[in-house]
Protein backbone atom coordinates (compact mmCIF):
# COMPACT_ATOMS: atom_id res chain seq x y z
CA UNK A 1 114.45 189.34 249.89
CA UNK A 2 112.22 185.99 249.88
CA UNK A 3 111.71 186.39 245.67
CA UNK A 4 114.94 186.26 245.37
CA UNK A 5 115.91 183.19 247.72
CA UNK A 6 113.00 181.04 246.54
CA UNK A 7 114.76 180.97 242.84
CA UNK A 8 118.64 181.09 243.45
CA UNK A 9 117.78 178.00 246.01
CA UNK A 10 116.65 175.86 243.71
CA UNK A 11 119.17 176.82 240.89
CA UNK A 12 122.24 176.21 243.16
CA UNK A 13 121.23 172.48 243.66
CA UNK A 14 119.97 171.57 240.80
CA UNK A 15 123.89 172.61 239.75
CA UNK A 16 125.28 170.88 242.40
CA UNK A 17 122.90 167.62 241.25
CA UNK A 18 124.78 168.22 237.77
CA UNK A 19 127.52 165.39 239.00
CA UNK A 20 124.95 162.63 240.49
CA UNK A 21 122.80 163.00 237.55
CA UNK A 22 125.90 161.92 235.23
CA UNK A 23 126.60 158.92 237.80
CA UNK A 24 123.44 157.27 238.41
CA UNK A 25 120.97 157.96 235.34
CA UNK A 26 121.41 156.78 231.94
CA UNK A 27 123.95 159.09 230.02
CA UNK A 28 121.93 160.52 227.78
CA UNK A 29 118.82 161.47 230.42
CA UNK A 30 122.15 163.77 232.21
CA UNK A 31 123.00 165.26 229.16
CA UNK A 32 119.17 166.81 228.80
CA UNK A 33 119.26 167.89 232.64
CA UNK A 34 122.73 169.17 232.29
CA UNK A 35 121.74 171.33 228.98
CA UNK A 36 118.53 172.65 229.96
CA UNK A 37 120.18 173.41 233.98
CA UNK A 38 122.82 175.59 232.10
CA UNK A 39 120.52 177.12 229.69
CA UNK A 40 117.71 178.22 232.25
CA UNK A 41 120.56 179.33 234.61
CA UNK A 42 122.06 180.72 232.33
CA UNK A 43 120.21 183.92 231.87
CA UNK A 44 121.17 186.80 234.37
CA UNK A 45 117.10 186.90 235.54
CA UNK A 46 116.47 184.42 237.75
CA UNK A 47 112.86 185.37 238.35
CA UNK A 48 110.85 181.14 237.86
CA UNK A 49 113.75 179.54 237.11
CA UNK A 50 111.89 176.75 240.22
CA UNK A 51 109.28 176.51 237.74
CA UNK A 52 111.16 175.86 234.63
CA UNK A 53 113.49 173.16 236.75
CA UNK A 54 110.45 171.52 238.29
CA UNK A 55 109.56 170.42 233.92
CA UNK A 56 112.72 168.35 234.17
CA UNK A 57 111.92 164.87 233.99
CA UNK A 58 115.54 163.73 234.77
CA UNK A 59 114.74 165.09 237.98
CA UNK A 60 112.36 163.12 239.17
CA UNK A 61 114.38 159.90 238.23
CA UNK A 62 117.27 161.16 240.49
CA UNK A 63 114.82 161.17 243.53
CA UNK A 64 112.67 157.96 242.85
CA UNK A 65 116.45 156.23 242.52
CA UNK A 66 117.28 158.18 246.41
CA UNK A 67 114.15 157.95 247.38
CA UNK A 68 114.73 153.58 246.65
CA UNK A 69 117.98 153.22 248.20
CA UNK A 70 117.38 155.39 251.74
CA UNK A 71 114.35 155.42 254.07
CA UNK A 72 115.95 157.98 255.51
CA UNK A 73 116.37 160.50 252.23
CA UNK A 74 112.46 159.47 251.76
CA UNK A 75 111.49 160.62 255.25
CA UNK A 76 113.26 164.02 255.22
CA UNK A 77 112.25 164.86 251.47
CA UNK A 78 108.70 164.27 252.31
CA UNK A 79 108.12 166.05 255.17
CA UNK A 80 110.35 169.31 253.42
CA UNK A 81 108.17 168.64 250.59
CA UNK A 82 105.10 168.37 252.51
CA UNK A 83 106.14 171.73 255.36
CA UNK A 84 106.62 173.93 251.58
CA UNK A 85 102.87 172.70 249.84
CA UNK A 86 101.30 174.15 253.47
CA UNK A 87 103.73 177.33 253.94
CA UNK A 88 102.70 178.02 250.16
CA UNK A 89 99.24 177.79 250.84
CA UNK A 90 99.08 180.08 253.39
CA UNK A 91 100.89 182.22 251.27
CA UNK A 92 98.92 181.90 248.50
CA UNK A 93 95.62 182.12 250.09
CA UNK A 94 96.65 184.93 252.70
CA UNK A 95 97.30 186.83 249.00
CA UNK A 96 100.46 186.84 249.28
CA UNK A 97 103.08 185.77 246.43
CA UNK A 98 103.46 182.32 245.89
CA UNK A 99 106.06 181.09 243.45
């Protein structure tokens, strides 16, 4: 169950971010992001979706723009990132799956 959620949540969020990409970053980057997200999530087998989505550069451009505009977003994103890093490090050290 955990593996399914860790794959489905980023896939859903990446699809939700497509309109924001078209609004806030260059159209060529938005087209690249849209094509890659559709390509990655169109398969029926979503294993490793998160790893593939994290290799799309326009995602980080949007995160940088959002972090510069809102310090609240920056703090929330930083706390979330560090929390997930600690969780997955614990999973890895204890010998469990750490996707």
